[in-house]
């Protein structure tokens, strides 16, 4: 009598992952004031993250979002030994540099019941890592060291778990899958701090450069700024993530999509804390109002689809 065949181990692993959800970790990096906090709120369609100086009027969470671990400091480095994150302004300590603070927030992103009709209810266990204080120090080398040390430690933790005889079934992989680097809208290409930071973090994760506050430019200015950034990336050999297609393996639709995304790099986004009467995020100007989801004005909607849709598995 033949013994019953066992299913492949990877099948069990896949079923277990579907039951627990997909673990996905993102790092937001870039100089202070480039809109990382506002982007995080827009990305999750919630007012989860307060600003350092102008606090939000309300704490609002999307029905699809469930906070599993509130924002906490996971690493920091400062010459005075005090994390600067969300600390009040103290004139007596004004001469002290803020250093670098890294925070982590974990949420579970689900689907509405209408989205799961006829499909498996697969949630995303999303970890958002944010950085605070880059560009605020006379010597930003400690920022480079702290961020790369944090990224390296996540690999060490996973390696230690993988080499255990009895593994923890509740172990969470905290390695960063994608890092978004926010570039200041100067119009003059990359600065030295941008080049060095992207080079260092690209050793540990995928890096996507982002042009923040794209409404600071006219269409021609934005096109020139995007070209300057791409020229600097090539000149200084910055290994950012590229949307490449294989004509031998990919279908025509995938090839066209990757070509479109490649032409958009770096993504230029517009974010906002304000909502209109319909609950949509908008920006208001003396001459009118625009929706930040309008693909003609901002790449935010396209970037969301890339991060949580078409390329999620590729980043992982």
C-alpha atoms as a PDB file:
ATOM      1  CA  UNK A   1       0.000   0.000   0.000  1.00  0.00           C
ATOM      2  CA  UNK A   2       1.438   3.318  -1.038  1.00  0.00           C
ATOM      3  CA  UNK A   3       1.909   5.913   1.661  1.00  0.00           C
ATOM      4  CA  UNK A   4      -0.040   9.152   1.177  1.00  0.00           C
ATOM      5  CA  UNK A   5       1.992  11.894  -0.449  1.00  0.00           C
ATOM      6  CA  UNK A   6       2.646  15.033   1.536  1.00  0.00           C
ATOM      7  CA  UNK A   7       2.058  18.494   0.159  1.00  0.00           C
ATOM      8  CA  UNK A   8       5.227  20.515  -0.563  1.00  0.00           C
ATOM      9  CA  UNK A   9       6.498  22.535   2.434  1.00  0.00           C
ATOM     10  CA  UNK A  10       6.158  25.787   0.504  1.00  0.00           C
ATOM     11  CA  UNK A  11       2.435  25.073   0.087  1.00  0.00           C
ATOM     12  CA  UNK A  12       2.004  24.882   3.857  1.00  0.00           C
ATOM     13  CA  UNK A  13       4.028  28.074   4.203  1.00  0.00           C
ATOM     14  CA  UNK A  14       1.857  29.830   1.628  1.00  0.00           C
ATOM     15  CA  UNK A  15      -1.347  28.759   3.374  1.00  0.00           C
ATOM     16  CA  UNK A  16       0.018  29.927   6.699  1.00  0.00           C
ATOM     17  CA  UNK A  17       1.007  33.304   5.214  1.00  0.00           C
ATOM     18  CA  UNK A  18      -2.453  33.730   3.710  1.00  0.00           C
ATOM     19  CA  UNK A  19      -3.984  33.018   7.094  1.00  0.00           C
ATOM     20  CA  UNK A  20      -1.716  35.449   8.937  1.00  0.00           C
ATOM     21  CA  UNK A  21      -1.569  38.035   6.170  1.00  0.00           C
ATOM     22  CA  UNK A  22       1.289  39.487   4.137  1.00  0.00           C
ATOM     23  CA  UNK A  23       4.025  41.184   6.160  1.00  0.00           C
ATOM     24  CA  UNK A  24       5.235  44.318   4.421  1.00  0.00           C
ATOM     25  CA  UNK A  25       7.677  46.923   5.742  1.00  0.00           C
ATOM     26  CA  UNK A  26       8.345  50.374   4.301  1.00  0.00           C
ATOM     27  CA  UNK A  27      10.921  53.001   5.261  1.00  0.00           C
ATOM     28  CA  UNK A  28      10.337  56.724   4.790  1.00  0.00           C
ATOM     29  CA  UNK A  29      13.632  58.572   4.558  1.00  0.00           C
ATOM     30  CA  UNK A  30      14.722  62.064   3.614  1.00  0.00           C
ATOM     31  CA  UNK A  31      15.395  65.534   5.033  1.00  0.00           C
ATOM     32  CA  UNK A  32      12.962  67.016   7.527  1.00  0.00           C
ATOM     33  CA  UNK A  33      10.198  69.104   6.002  1.00  0.00           C
ATOM     34  CA  UNK A  34       9.849  67.060   2.813  1.00  0.00           C
ATOM     35  CA  UNK A  35       6.352  65.814   3.663  1.00  0.00           C
ATOM     36  CA  UNK A  36       7.015  62.287   4.966  1.00  0.00           C
ATOM     37  CA  UNK A  37       4.399  62.545   7.734  1.00  0.00           C
ATOM     38  CA  UNK A  38       1.709  63.924   5.431  1.00  0.00           C
ATOM     39  CA  UNK A  39       2.500  61.216   2.876  1.00  0.00           C
ATOM     40  CA  UNK A  40       2.154  58.534   5.561  1.00  0.00           C
ATOM     41  CA  UNK A  41      -1.301  59.855   6.461  1.00  0.00           C
ATOM     42  CA  UNK A  42      -2.369  60.006   2.811  1.00  0.00           C
ATOM     43  CA  UNK A  43      -0.971  56.540   2.143  1.00  0.00           C
ATOM     44  CA  UNK A  44      -3.132  55.023   4.886  1.00  0.00           C
ATOM     45  CA  UNK A  45      -6.001  57.463   4.280  1.00  0.00           C
ATOM     46  CA  UNK A  46      -5.964  58.261   7.997  1.00  0.00           C
ATOM     47  CA  UNK A  47      -4.759  60.998  10.328  1.00  0.00           C
ATOM     48  CA  UNK A  48      -2.565  58.634  12.324  1.00  0.00           C
ATOM     49  CA  UNK A  49       0.621  60.662  12.483  1.00  0.00           C
ATOM     50  CA  UNK A  50       0.793  64.096  14.140  1.00  0.00           C
ATOM     51  CA  UNK A  51       3.106  66.791  12.822  1.00  0.00           C
ATOM     52  CA  UNK A  52       5.919  68.036  14.979  1.00  0.00           C
ATOM     53  CA  UNK A  53       4.894  71.693  15.057  1.00  0.00           C
ATOM     54  CA  UNK A  54       1.292  71.946  13.815  1.00  0.00           C
ATOM     55  CA  UNK A  55      -0.802  69.186  15.364  1.00  0.00           C
ATOM     56  CA  UNK A  56      -3.751  67.673  13.515  1.00  0.00           C
ATOM     57  CA  UNK A  57      -7.212  68.733  14.627  1.00  0.00           C
ATOM     58  CA  UNK A  58      -8.543  65.173  14.716  1.00  0.00           C
ATOM     59  CA  UNK A  59      -7.376  61.570  15.038  1.00  0.00           C
ATOM     60  CA  UNK A  60      -9.079  59.642  12.293  1.00  0.00           C
ATOM     61  CA  UNK A  61      -8.525  56.055  11.149  1.00  0.00           C
ATOM     62  CA  UNK A  62      -9.828  54.525   7.924  1.00  0.00           C
ATOM     63  CA  UNK A  63     -12.234  51.553   8.337  1.00  0.00           C
ATOM     64  CA  UNK A  64      -9.670  49.429   6.475  1.00  0.00           C
ATOM     65  CA  UNK A  65      -6.949  50.223   9.030  1.00  0.00           C
ATOM     66  CA  UNK A  66      -6.434  48.629  12.431  1.00  0.00           C
ATOM     67  CA  UNK A  67      -3.506  49.858  14.498  1.00  0.00           C
ATOM     68  CA  UNK A  68      -1.700  46.814  15.922  1.00  0.00           C
ATOM     69  CA  UNK A  69       1.289  48.652  17.395  1.00  0.00           C
ATOM     70  CA  UNK A  70       1.181  52.436  18.002  1.00  0.00           C
ATOM     71  CA  UNK A  71       4.077  54.653  17.000  1.00  0.00           C
ATOM     72  CA  UNK A  72       7.161  54.014  19.113  1.00  0.00           C
ATOM     73  CA  UNK A  73      10.839  54.944  19.007  1.00  0.00           C
ATOM     74  CA  UNK A  74      12.879  51.922  17.890  1.00  0.00           C
ATOM     75  CA  UNK A  75      16.258  53.632  17.551  1.00  0.00           C
ATOM     76  CA  UNK A  76      17.855  57.033  18.024  1.00  0.00           C
ATOM     77  CA  UNK A  77      21.225  58.705  18.135  1.00  0.00           C
ATOM     78  CA  UNK A  78      21.981  62.189  19.392  1.00  0.00           C
ATOM     79  CA  UNK A  79      24.981  63.817  20.986  1.00  0.00           C
ATOM     80  CA  UNK A  80      22.949  64.783  24.067  1.00  0.00           C
ATOM     81  CA  UNK A  81      21.501  61.291  24.504  1.00  0.00           C
ATOM     82  CA  UNK A  82      17.860  62.415  24.196  1.00  0.00           C
ATOM     83  CA  UNK A  83      15.561  61.451  21.272  1.00  0.00           C
ATOM     84  CA  UNK A  84      14.257  64.612  19.657  1.00  0.00           C
ATOM     85  CA  UNK A  85      11.112  63.013  18.241  1.00  0.00           C
ATOM     86  CA  UNK A  86       8.028  65.029  19.231  1.00  0.00           C
ATOM     87  CA  UNK A  87       9.912  66.841  21.994  1.00  0.00           C
ATOM     88  CA  UNK A  88       8.775  70.364  22.740  1.00  0.00           C
ATOM     89  CA  UNK A  89      10.936  73.331  21.869  1.00  0.00           C
ATOM     90  CA  UNK A  90      13.193  74.267  24.769  1.00  0.00           C
ATOM     91  CA  UNK A  91      15.125  77.549  24.277  1.00  0.00           C
ATOM     92  CA  UNK A  92      17.712  76.477  26.846  1.00  0.00           C
ATOM     93  CA  UNK A  93      18.624  73.509  24.616  1.00  0.00           C
ATOM     94  CA  UNK A  94      18.440  75.314  21.275  1.00  0.00           C
ATOM     95  CA  UNK A  95      22.173  74.870  20.643  1.00  0.00           C
ATOM     96  CA  UNK A  96      21.905  71.060  20.779  1.00  0.00           C
ATOM     97  CA  UNK A  97      21.506  69.167  17.539  1.00  0.00           C
ATOM     98  CA  UNK A  98      18.452  66.865  17.250  1.00  0.00           C
ATOM     99  CA  UNK A  99      20.356  63.855  15.944  1.00  0.00           C
ATOM    100  CA  UNK A 100      18.301  61.086  14.314  1.00  0.00           C
ATOM    101  CA  UNK A 101      15.209  59.245  15.572  1.00  0.00           C
ATOM    102  CA  UNK A 102      13.634  56.187  13.938  1.00  0.00           C
ATOM    103  CA  UNK A 103      10.026  55.323  14.738  1.00  0.00           C
ATOM    104  CA  UNK A 104       7.889  52.319  13.897  1.00  0.00           C
ATOM    105  CA  UNK A 105       4.118  52.016  13.480  1.00  0.00           C
ATOM    106  CA  UNK A 106       2.345  48.733  12.687  1.00  0.00           C
ATOM    107  CA  UNK A 107      -1.137  48.487  11.206  1.00  0.00           C
ATOM    108  CA  UNK A 108      -3.248  45.801   9.622  1.00  0.00           C
ATOM    109  CA  UNK A 109      -4.691  46.814   6.273  1.00  0.00           C
ATOM    110  CA  UNK A 110      -7.817  44.861   5.391  1.00  0.00           C
ATOM    111  CA  UNK A 111     -10.410  45.054   2.662  1.00  0.00           C
ATOM    112  CA  UNK A 112     -13.996  46.203   2.694  1.00  0.00           C
ATOM    113  CA  UNK A 113     -16.580  43.442   2.511  1.00  0.00           C
ATOM    114  CA  UNK A 114     -17.437  44.512  -1.029  1.00  0.00           C
ATOM    115  CA  UNK A 115     -13.783  43.999  -2.041  1.00  0.00           C
ATOM    116  CA  UNK A 116     -13.623  40.472  -0.667  1.00  0.00           C
ATOM    117  CA  UNK A 117     -16.700  39.128  -2.454  1.00  0.00           C
ATOM    118  CA  UNK A 118     -15.640  35.883  -4.052  1.00  0.00           C
ATOM    119  CA  UNK A 119     -12.017  36.359  -2.907  1.00  0.00           C
ATOM    120  CA  UNK A 120      -9.922  35.313   0.060  1.00  0.00           C
ATOM    121  CA  UNK A 121      -9.845  37.983   2.735  1.00  0.00           C
ATOM    122  CA  UNK A 122      -6.100  38.624   2.680  1.00  0.00           C
ATOM    123  CA  UNK A 123      -4.836  41.402   4.903  1.00  0.00           C
ATOM    124  CA  UNK A 124      -1.481  43.195   4.899  1.00  0.00           C
ATOM    125  CA  UNK A 125       0.496  43.464   8.127  1.00  0.00           C
ATOM    126  CA  UNK A 126       2.096  46.801   7.318  1.00  0.00           C
ATOM    127  CA  UNK A 127       5.056  48.228   9.236  1.00  0.00           C
ATOM    128  CA  UNK A 128       5.862  51.874   8.544  1.00  0.00           C
ATOM    129  CA  UNK A 129       9.322  53.026   9.610  1.00  0.00           C
ATOM    130  CA  UNK A 130       9.856  56.779   9.649  1.00  0.00           C
ATOM    131  CA  UNK A 131      13.005  58.847  10.168  1.00  0.00           C
ATOM    132  CA  UNK A 132      13.206  62.209  11.952  1.00  0.00           C
ATOM    133  CA  UNK A 133      16.040  64.722  12.047  1.00  0.00           C
ATOM    134  CA  UNK A 134      17.878  64.169   8.769  1.00  0.00           C
ATOM    135  CA  UNK A 135      19.373  67.425   7.503  1.00  0.00           C
ATOM    136  CA  UNK A 136      18.938  69.220  10.846  1.00  0.00           C
ATOM    137  CA  UNK A 137      22.454  68.490  12.103  1.00  0.00           C
ATOM    138  CA  UNK A 138      25.757  70.167  11.316  1.00  0.00           C
ATOM    139  CA  UNK A 139      27.209  66.665  11.041  1.00  0.00           C
ATOM    140  CA  UNK A 140      24.709  64.207   9.532  1.00  0.00           C
ATOM    141  CA  UNK A 141      27.117  61.259   9.556  1.00  0.00           C
ATOM    142  CA  UNK A 142      25.407  59.929  12.687  1.00  0.00           C
ATOM    143  CA  UNK A 143      22.153  59.794  10.659  1.00  0.00           C
ATOM    144  CA  UNK A 144      23.820  57.617   8.023  1.00  0.00           C
ATOM    145  CA  UNK A 145      25.275  55.317  10.664  1.00  0.00           C
ATOM    146  CA  UNK A 146      22.069  54.945  12.684  1.00  0.00           C
ATOM    147  CA  UNK A 147      19.819  54.150   9.723  1.00  0.00           C
ATOM    148  CA  UNK A 148      22.233  51.632   8.166  1.00  0.00           C
ATOM    149  CA  UNK A 149      22.774  50.043  11.590  1.00  0.00           C
ATOM    150  CA  UNK A 150      19.017  49.669  12.047  1.00  0.00           C
ATOM    151  CA  UNK A 151      18.598  48.089   8.600  1.00  0.00           C
ATOM    152  CA  UNK A 152      21.513  45.727   9.193  1.00  0.00           C
ATOM    153  CA  UNK A 153      20.159  44.685  12.595  1.00  0.00           C
ATOM    154  CA  UNK A 154      16.917  43.485  10.996  1.00  0.00           C
ATOM    155  CA  UNK A 155      18.900  41.032   8.854  1.00  0.00           C
ATOM    156  CA  UNK A 156      20.816  39.867  11.929  1.00  0.00           C
ATOM    157  CA  UNK A 157      17.583  39.233  13.830  1.00  0.00           C
ATOM    158  CA  UNK A 158      16.137  37.181  10.967  1.00  0.00           C
ATOM    159  CA  UNK A 159      19.372  35.203  10.593  1.00  0.00           C
ATOM    160  CA  UNK A 160      19.410  34.417  14.323  1.00  0.00           C
ATOM    161  CA  UNK A 161      15.809  33.171  14.110  1.00  0.00           C
ATOM    162  CA  UNK A 162      16.454  31.084  10.989  1.00  0.00           C
ATOM    163  CA  UNK A 163      19.384  29.294  12.655  1.00  0.00           C
ATOM    164  CA  UNK A 164      17.403  28.306  15.757  1.00  0.00           C
ATOM    165  CA  UNK A 165      16.463  24.650  16.158  1.00  0.00           C
ATOM    166  CA  UNK A 166      12.968  25.550  17.329  1.00  0.00           C
ATOM    167  CA  UNK A 167      11.697  28.663  15.637  1.00  0.00           C
ATOM    168  CA  UNK A 168       9.164  31.027  17.111  1.00  0.00           C
ATOM    169  CA  UNK A 169       5.882  30.585  15.184  1.00  0.00           C
ATOM    170  CA  UNK A 170       4.968  34.195  16.013  1.00  0.00           C
ATOM    171  CA  UNK A 171       8.244  35.633  14.774  1.00  0.00           C
ATOM    172  CA  UNK A 172       7.797  38.719  12.581  1.00  0.00           C
ATOM    173  CA  UNK A 173      10.222  39.521   9.786  1.00  0.00           C
ATOM    174  CA  UNK A 174      11.093  43.194  10.239  1.00  0.00           C
ATOM    175  CA  UNK A 175      13.420  43.574   7.245  1.00  0.00           C
ATOM    176  CA  UNK A 176      12.557  46.651   5.160  1.00  0.00           C
ATOM    177  CA  UNK A 177      11.210  45.763   1.712  1.00  0.00           C
ATOM    178  CA  UNK A 178      11.077  49.239   0.161  1.00  0.00           C
ATOM    179  CA  UNK A 179      12.512  52.630   1.120  1.00  0.00           C
ATOM    180  CA  UNK A 180      11.058  55.864  -0.214  1.00  0.00           C
ATOM    181  CA  UNK A 181      13.626  58.658  -0.261  1.00  0.00           C
ATOM    182  CA  UNK A 182      12.036  62.117  -0.308  1.00  0.00           C
ATOM    183  CA  UNK A 183      13.921  64.759  -2.279  1.00  0.00           C
ATOM    184  CA  UNK A 184      13.565  68.444  -1.438  1.00  0.00           C
ATOM    185  CA  UNK A 185      11.919  70.439  -4.263  1.00  0.00           C
ATOM    186  CA  UNK A 186      14.941  72.636  -4.912  1.00  0.00           C
ATOM    187  CA  UNK A 187      14.888  72.316  -8.697  1.00  0.00           C
ATOM    188  CA  UNK A 188      18.656  71.745  -8.757  1.00  0.00           C
ATOM    189  CA  UNK A 189      19.036  67.970  -8.721  1.00  0.00           C
ATOM    190  CA  UNK A 190      20.392  65.839  -5.889  1.00  0.00           C
ATOM    191  CA  UNK A 191      22.441  67.127  -2.991  1.00  0.00           C
ATOM    192  CA  UNK A 192      25.403  65.278  -1.515  1.00  0.00           C
ATOM    193  CA  UNK A 193      23.327  64.087   1.450  1.00  0.00           C
ATOM    194  CA  UNK A 194      20.765  62.592  -0.957  1.00  0.00           C
ATOM    195  CA  UNK A 195      23.378  60.686  -2.943  1.00  0.00           C
ATOM    196  CA  UNK A 196      25.152  59.308   0.126  1.00  0.00           C
ATOM    197  CA  UNK A 197      21.972  58.311   1.955  1.00  0.00           C
ATOM    198  CA  UNK A 198      20.451  56.490  -1.015  1.00  0.00           C
ATOM    199  CA  UNK A 199      23.720  54.678  -1.684  1.00  0.00           C
ATOM    200  CA  UNK A 200      23.944  53.471   1.908  1.00  0.00           C
ATOM    201  CA  UNK A 201      20.349  52.256   2.349  1.00  0.00           C
ATOM    202  CA  UNK A 202      20.289  50.622  -1.101  1.00  0.00           C
ATOM    203  CA  UNK A 203      22.675  47.991   0.270  1.00  0.00           C
ATOM    204  CA  UNK A 204      19.829  46.678   2.433  1.00  0.00           C
ATOM    205  CA  UNK A 205      16.593  47.399   0.587  1.00  0.00           C
ATOM    206  CA  UNK A 206      14.973  48.668  -2.605  1.00  0.00           C
ATOM    207  CA  UNK A 207      15.065  52.461  -2.932  1.00  0.00           C
ATOM    208  CA  UNK A 208      12.557  54.657  -4.755  1.00  0.00           C
ATOM    209  CA  UNK A 209      13.394  58.384  -5.015  1.00  0.00           C
ATOM    210  CA  UNK A 210      10.368  60.649  -4.533  1.00  0.00           C
ATOM    211  CA  UNK A 211       9.969  64.308  -5.500  1.00  0.00           C
ATOM    212  CA  UNK A 212       7.962  65.831  -2.673  1.00  0.00           C
ATOM    213  CA  UNK A 213       5.707  68.887  -2.926  1.00  0.00           C
ATOM    214  CA  UNK A 214       5.549  68.639  -6.708  1.00  0.00           C
ATOM    215  CA  UNK A 215       3.048  71.506  -6.813  1.00  0.00           C
ATOM    216  CA  UNK A 216       6.036  73.793  -6.209  1.00  0.00           C
ATOM    217  CA  UNK A 217       6.860  73.488  -9.916  1.00  0.00           C
ATOM    218  CA  UNK A 218       5.309  74.257 -13.253  1.00  0.00           C
ATOM    219  CA  UNK A 219       5.116  71.325 -15.689  1.00  0.00           C
ATOM    220  CA  UNK A 220       8.296  72.400 -17.471  1.00  0.00           C
ATOM    221  CA  UNK A 221      10.158  72.984 -14.208  1.00  0.00           C
ATOM    222  CA  UNK A 222       9.119  69.561 -12.929  1.00  0.00           C
ATOM    223  CA  UNK A 223      10.267  67.879 -16.143  1.00  0.00           C
ATOM    224  CA  UNK A 224      13.655  69.600 -15.892  1.00  0.00           C
ATOM    225  CA  UNK A 225      13.988  68.723 -12.207  1.00  0.00           C
ATOM    226  CA  UNK A 226      13.140  65.076 -12.906  1.00  0.00           C
ATOM    227  CA  UNK A 227      15.756  64.997 -15.669  1.00  0.00           C
ATOM    228  CA  UNK A 228      18.379  66.551 -13.376  1.00  0.00           C
ATOM    229  CA  UNK A 229      17.715  63.913 -10.713  1.00  0.00           C
ATOM    230  CA  UNK A 230      17.954  61.056 -13.213  1.00  0.00           C
ATOM    231  CA  UNK A 231      21.189  62.528 -14.582  1.00  0.00           C
ATOM    232  CA  UNK A 232      22.638  62.699 -11.057  1.00  0.00           C
ATOM    233  CA  UNK A 233      21.546  59.125 -10.321  1.00  0.00           C
ATOM    234  CA  UNK A 234      23.446  57.935 -13.386  1.00  0.00           C
ATOM    235  CA  UNK A 235      26.457  60.203 -12.840  1.00  0.00           C
ATOM    236  CA  UNK A 236      26.959  59.148  -9.210  1.00  0.00           C
ATOM    237  CA  UNK A 237      25.880  55.521  -9.784  1.00  0.00           C
ATOM    238  CA  UNK A 238      23.063  55.546  -7.239  1.00  0.00           C
ATOM    239  CA  UNK A 239      21.485  52.031  -7.277  1.00  0.00           C
ATOM    240  CA  UNK A 240      17.792  52.914  -7.121  1.00  0.00           C
ATOM    241  CA  UNK A 241      14.992  50.495  -7.989  1.00  0.00           C
ATOM    242  CA  UNK A 242      14.220  50.387 -11.719  1.00  0.00           C
ATOM    243  CA  UNK A 243      11.102  49.120 -13.439  1.00  0.00           C
ATOM    244  CA  UNK A 244      12.496  46.687 -15.946  1.00  0.00           C
ATOM    245  CA  UNK A 245      10.626  44.205 -18.122  1.00  0.00           C
ATOM    246  CA  UNK A 246      11.812  40.991 -19.723  1.00  0.00           C
ATOM    247  CA  UNK A 247      10.456  40.690 -23.296  1.00  0.00           C
ATOM    248  CA  UNK A 248      10.943  36.925 -23.117  1.00  0.00           C
ATOM    249  CA  UNK A 249       8.935  36.370 -19.930  1.00  0.00           C
ATOM    250  CA  UNK A 250       6.580  39.348 -19.529  1.00  0.00           C
ATOM    251  CA  UNK A 251       3.431  39.996 -21.513  1.00  0.00           C
ATOM    252  CA  UNK A 252       2.824  43.161 -23.520  1.00  0.00           C
ATOM    253  CA  UNK A 253       0.697  44.742 -20.783  1.00  0.00           C
ATOM    254  CA  UNK A 254       3.448  44.276 -18.173  1.00  0.00           C
ATOM    255  CA  UNK A 255       6.106  45.641 -20.521  1.00  0.00           C
ATOM    256  CA  UNK A 256       4.022  48.741 -21.267  1.00  0.00           C
ATOM    257  CA  UNK A 257       3.275  49.279 -17.573  1.00  0.00           C
ATOM    258  CA  UNK A 258       6.939  49.068 -16.555  1.00  0.00           C
ATOM    259  CA  UNK A 259       7.905  51.408 -19.391  1.00  0.00           C
ATOM    260  CA  UNK A 260       5.344  53.949 -18.187  1.00  0.00           C
ATOM    261  CA  UNK A 261       6.551  53.693 -14.587  1.00  0.00           C
ATOM    262  CA  UNK A 262      10.164  53.996 -15.707  1.00  0.00           C
ATOM    263  CA  UNK A 263       9.353  57.231 -17.552  1.00  0.00           C
ATOM    264  CA  UNK A 264       7.701  58.624 -14.394  1.00  0.00           C
ATOM    265  CA  UNK A 265      10.717  58.044 -12.175  1.00  0.00           C
ATOM    266  CA  UNK A 266      11.275  59.693  -9.811  1.00  0.00           C
ATOM    267  CA  UNK A 267       7.612  59.886  -8.807  1.00  0.00           C
ATOM    268  CA  UNK A 268       6.433  63.435  -8.153  1.00  0.00           C
ATOM    269  CA  UNK A 269       3.728  63.584  -5.489  1.00  0.00           C
ATOM    270  CA  UNK A 270       1.453  66.146  -3.893  1.00  0.00           C
ATOM    271  CA  UNK A 271       0.075  65.449  -0.405  1.00  0.00           C
ATOM    272  CA  UNK A 272      -2.321  67.234   1.921  1.00  0.00           C
ATOM    273  CA  UNK A 273      -3.949  67.060   5.345  1.00  0.00           C
ATOM    274  CA  UNK A 274      -7.125  68.783   4.164  1.00  0.00           C
ATOM    275  CA  UNK A 275     -10.284  67.029   2.975  1.00  0.00           C
ATOM    276  CA  UNK A 276     -13.216  68.286   0.954  1.00  0.00           C
ATOM    277  CA  UNK A 277     -16.891  67.656   1.738  1.00  0.00           C
ATOM    278  CA  UNK A 278     -16.684  64.247   0.052  1.00  0.00           C
ATOM    279  CA  UNK A 279     -13.789  63.102   2.227  1.00  0.00           C
ATOM    280  CA  UNK A 280     -11.160  63.371  -0.521  1.00  0.00           C
ATOM    281  CA  UNK A 281      -7.733  64.841   0.224  1.00  0.00           C
ATOM    282  CA  UNK A 282      -7.289  68.184  -1.550  1.00  0.00           C
ATOM    283  CA  UNK A 283      -5.005  71.181  -1.657  1.00  0.00           C
ATOM    284  CA  UNK A 284      -6.440  74.665  -1.746  1.00  0.00           C
ATOM    285  CA  UNK A 285      -4.911  77.686  -3.446  1.00  0.00           C
ATOM    286  CA  UNK A 286      -6.077  81.269  -4.012  1.00  0.00           C
ATOM    287  CA  UNK A 287      -7.013  80.249  -7.551  1.00  0.00           C
ATOM    288  CA  UNK A 288      -8.826  77.009  -6.721  1.00  0.00           C
ATOM    289  CA  UNK A 289      -8.700  73.474  -5.319  1.00  0.00           C
ATOM    290  CA  UNK A 290      -7.080  70.330  -6.665  1.00  0.00           C
ATOM    291  CA  UNK A 291      -7.350  66.669  -5.729  1.00  0.00           C
ATOM    292  CA  UNK A 292      -4.080  64.991  -4.797  1.00  0.00           C
ATOM    293  CA  UNK A 293      -5.405  61.795  -6.450  1.00  0.00           C
ATOM    294  CA  UNK A 294      -5.499  63.488  -9.858  1.00  0.00           C
ATOM    295  CA  UNK A 295      -2.860  61.657 -11.914  1.00  0.00           C
ATOM    296  CA  UNK A 296      -2.407  64.727 -14.121  1.00  0.00           C
ATOM    297  CA  UNK A 297      -1.111  66.666 -11.121  1.00  0.00           C
ATOM    298  CA  UNK A 298       0.360  64.087  -8.755  1.00  0.00           C
ATOM    299  CA  UNK A 299       1.780  60.562  -9.057  1.00  0.00           C
ATOM    300  CA  UNK A 300       0.454  59.676  -5.600  1.00  0.00           C
ATOM    301  CA  UNK A 301      -2.322  57.389  -6.851  1.00  0.00           C
ATOM    302  CA  UNK A 302       0.075  55.609  -9.220  1.00  0.00           C
ATOM    303  CA  UNK A 303       2.643  55.233  -6.426  1.00  0.00           C
ATOM    304  CA  UNK A 304       0.020  53.666  -4.146  1.00  0.00           C
ATOM    305  CA  UNK A 305      -0.818  51.100  -6.817  1.00  0.00           C
ATOM    306  CA  UNK A 306       2.876  50.295  -7.229  1.00  0.00           C
ATOM    307  CA  UNK A 307       3.499  49.938  -3.477  1.00  0.00           C
ATOM    308  CA  UNK A 308       0.410  47.904  -2.594  1.00  0.00           C
ATOM    309  CA  UNK A 309      -0.447  46.306  -5.917  1.00  0.00           C
ATOM    310  CA  UNK A 310       1.603  45.643  -9.006  1.00  0.00           C
ATOM    311  CA  UNK A 311       5.084  45.492  -7.440  1.00  0.00           C
ATOM    312  CA  UNK A 312       4.441  44.518  -3.804  1.00  0.00           C
ATOM    313  CA  UNK A 313       5.645  40.952  -4.269  1.00  0.00           C
ATOM    314  CA  UNK A 314       8.620  42.131  -6.312  1.00  0.00           C
ATOM    315  CA  UNK A 315       9.709  44.451  -3.488  1.00  0.00           C
ATOM    316  CA  UNK A 316       9.373  41.597  -0.979  1.00  0.00           C
END
